Amino acid sequence: NAAPRRTLTYQTSDACTACRASGTVRTREGHMACPTCHGSGTISGPRKVDVRIPAGIQAGKKLRVPGGGHRGMNGRGGDLFLLIQDQPDSRLTRQGDNLEVNFEVPFTTAALGGEVKVEGLGSS
């Protein structure tokens, strides 16, 4: 069973391929600031990557996203590493790979059967 895909957006700064990250371009008159990166040698902006986050992954683990990192002079991205952190939720406790929730069930429902609403992730 494959982990669901999540799309993450993050800010990155890649090498400018127009000036080969030098910040300058050669003209007939000499050198001038690169018009693409405005002399910085880098291009900044948002990037989106699709990531599979395995169920039950523990805080402190790292996920490797091949090609999701900074792009170098060859135009290919290096690897992006994501550090997993838990987002605390006072309703849930973690038991190994499982999340558990405690809630009260009225005696009559427990004895005679019925339905109860259980809030999970994303509920408020």
Protein backbone atom coordinates (compact mmCIF):
# COMPACT_ATOMS: atom_id res chain seq x y z
CA ASN A 1 0.00 0.00 0.00
CA ALA A 2 1.74 3.17 -1.23
CA ALA A 3 1.95 6.25 0.95
CA PRO A 4 -0.21 9.17 -0.20
CA ARG A 5 1.50 11.94 -2.15
CA ARG A 6 1.67 15.44 -0.70
CA THR A 7 2.67 18.56 -2.63
CA LEU A 8 5.08 20.80 -0.73
CA THR A 9 5.95 24.36 -1.74
CA TYR A 10 9.21 25.88 -0.55
CA GLN A 11 11.48 28.81 -1.39
CA THR A 12 14.72 28.04 -3.21
CA SER A 13 17.67 29.85 -4.73
CA ASP A 14 19.18 28.25 -7.83
CA ALA A 15 22.28 29.06 -9.87
CA CYS A 16 21.52 31.45 -12.72
CA THR A 17 22.15 29.58 -15.97
CA ALA A 18 22.18 32.80 -18.05
CA CYS A 19 25.44 34.00 -16.47
CA ARG A 20 26.65 30.63 -15.13
CA ALA A 21 26.21 31.99 -11.57
CA SER A 22 28.84 34.71 -12.06
CA GLY A 23 26.38 37.62 -11.89
CA THR A 24 27.86 39.19 -15.03
CA VAL A 25 27.52 38.69 -18.77
CA ARG A 26 29.94 39.64 -21.52
CA THR A 27 28.88 42.34 -23.98
CA ARG A 28 30.71 44.14 -26.79
CA GLU A 29 31.58 46.90 -24.34
CA GLY A 30 32.88 44.51 -21.65
CA HIS A 31 31.00 43.00 -18.72
CA MET A 32 27.68 44.07 -17.24
CA ALA A 33 25.33 42.81 -14.53
CA CYS A 34 23.32 39.83 -15.70
CA PRO A 35 19.80 40.99 -16.65
CA THR A 36 18.29 37.65 -15.60
CA CYS A 37 19.56 37.53 -11.99
CA HIS A 38 20.36 41.28 -11.67
CA GLY A 39 23.98 40.51 -10.79
CA SER A 40 23.32 38.12 -7.89
CA GLY A 41 24.25 34.91 -9.72
CA THR A 42 21.14 33.20 -8.36
CA ILE A 43 17.44 32.99 -9.17
CA SER A 44 15.08 32.81 -6.18
CA GLY A 45 11.51 31.64 -6.19
CA PRO A 46 8.99 29.06 -5.04
CA ARG A 47 9.23 25.44 -6.10
CA LYS A 48 6.76 22.58 -5.67
CA VAL A 49 7.66 18.94 -5.17
CA ASP A 50 5.51 15.85 -4.71
CA VAL A 51 6.55 13.76 -1.71
CA ARG A 52 5.37 10.40 -0.40
CA ILE A 53 5.28 10.53 3.40
CA PRO A 54 5.07 6.98 4.78
CA ALA A 55 2.41 6.28 7.40
CA GLY A 56 3.84 6.00 10.89
CA ILE A 57 7.10 7.84 10.11
CA GLN A 58 8.79 8.92 13.33
CA ALA A 59 9.84 12.46 14.26
CA GLY A 60 13.54 13.04 13.59
CA LYS A 61 13.63 10.84 10.47
CA LYS A 62 14.78 12.32 7.16
CA LEU A 63 13.12 11.85 3.79
CA ARG A 64 15.23 12.20 0.64
CA VAL A 65 13.58 13.77 -2.42
CA PRO A 66 15.86 13.08 -5.41
CA GLY A 67 16.19 16.15 -7.67
CA GLY A 68 14.17 18.36 -5.31
CA GLY A 69 17.07 20.49 -4.05
CA HIS A 70 18.97 23.47 -5.43
CA ARG A 71 19.71 23.41 -9.14
CA GLY A 72 23.36 23.75 -10.03
CA MET A 73 25.05 24.93 -13.20
CA ASN A 74 24.03 21.77 -15.05
CA GLY A 75 20.36 22.68 -14.45
CA ARG A 76 19.69 19.51 -12.47
CA GLY A 77 18.48 19.69 -8.90
CA GLY A 78 20.41 18.16 -6.06
CA ASP A 79 18.61 16.11 -3.44
CA LEU A 80 16.21 17.74 -0.98
CA PHE A 81 16.17 16.33 2.56
CA LEU A 82 13.09 16.81 4.73
CA LEU A 83 13.36 16.51 8.52
CA ILE A 84 10.13 15.07 9.93
CA GLN A 85 8.63 16.78 12.98
CA ASP A 86 5.45 15.85 14.84
CA GLN A 87 2.75 18.46 15.14
CA PRO A 88 1.36 18.06 18.67
CA ASP A 89 -2.35 17.38 19.07
CA SER A 90 -3.70 17.17 22.62
CA ARG A 91 -6.41 14.68 21.54
CA LEU A 92 -3.99 12.08 20.15
CA THR A 93 -1.20 9.92 21.56
CA ARG A 94 1.28 7.95 19.51
CA GLN A 95 1.78 4.23 20.15
CA GLY A 96 4.45 3.01 17.72
CA ASP A 97 3.07 3.53 14.20
CA ASN A 98 -0.46 4.13 15.49
CA LEU A 99 -2.30 7.19 16.74
CA GLU A 100 -4.75 6.62 19.58
CA VAL A 101 -7.57 8.76 20.90
CA ASN A 102 -9.51 8.35 24.16
CA PHE A 103 -13.12 9.47 24.31
CA GLU A 104 -16.17 8.84 26.44
CA VAL A 105 -18.99 6.58 25.27
CA PRO A 106 -22.31 6.96 27.06
CA PHE A 107 -23.24 3.83 29.07
CA THR A 108 -26.45 3.30 27.10
CA THR A 109 -24.59 3.42 23.78
CA ALA A 110 -21.94 1.00 25.07
CA ALA A 111 -24.57 -1.39 26.45
CA LEU A 112 -27.19 -1.21 23.69
CA GLY A 113 -25.07 -0.22 20.69
CA GLY A 114 -25.20 2.92 18.63
CA GLU A 115 -22.97 5.50 17.04
CA VAL A 116 -20.49 8.00 18.45
CA LYS A 117 -18.57 10.68 16.61
CA VAL A 118 -14.78 10.38 16.88
CA GLU A 119 -12.66 13.33 15.79
CA GLY A 120 -9.47 12.43 13.98
CA LEU A 121 -6.74 14.30 12.14
CA GLY A 122 -7.98 17.46 10.49
CA SER A 123 -11.07 17.64 12.73
CA SER A 124 -11.79 20.55 15.00
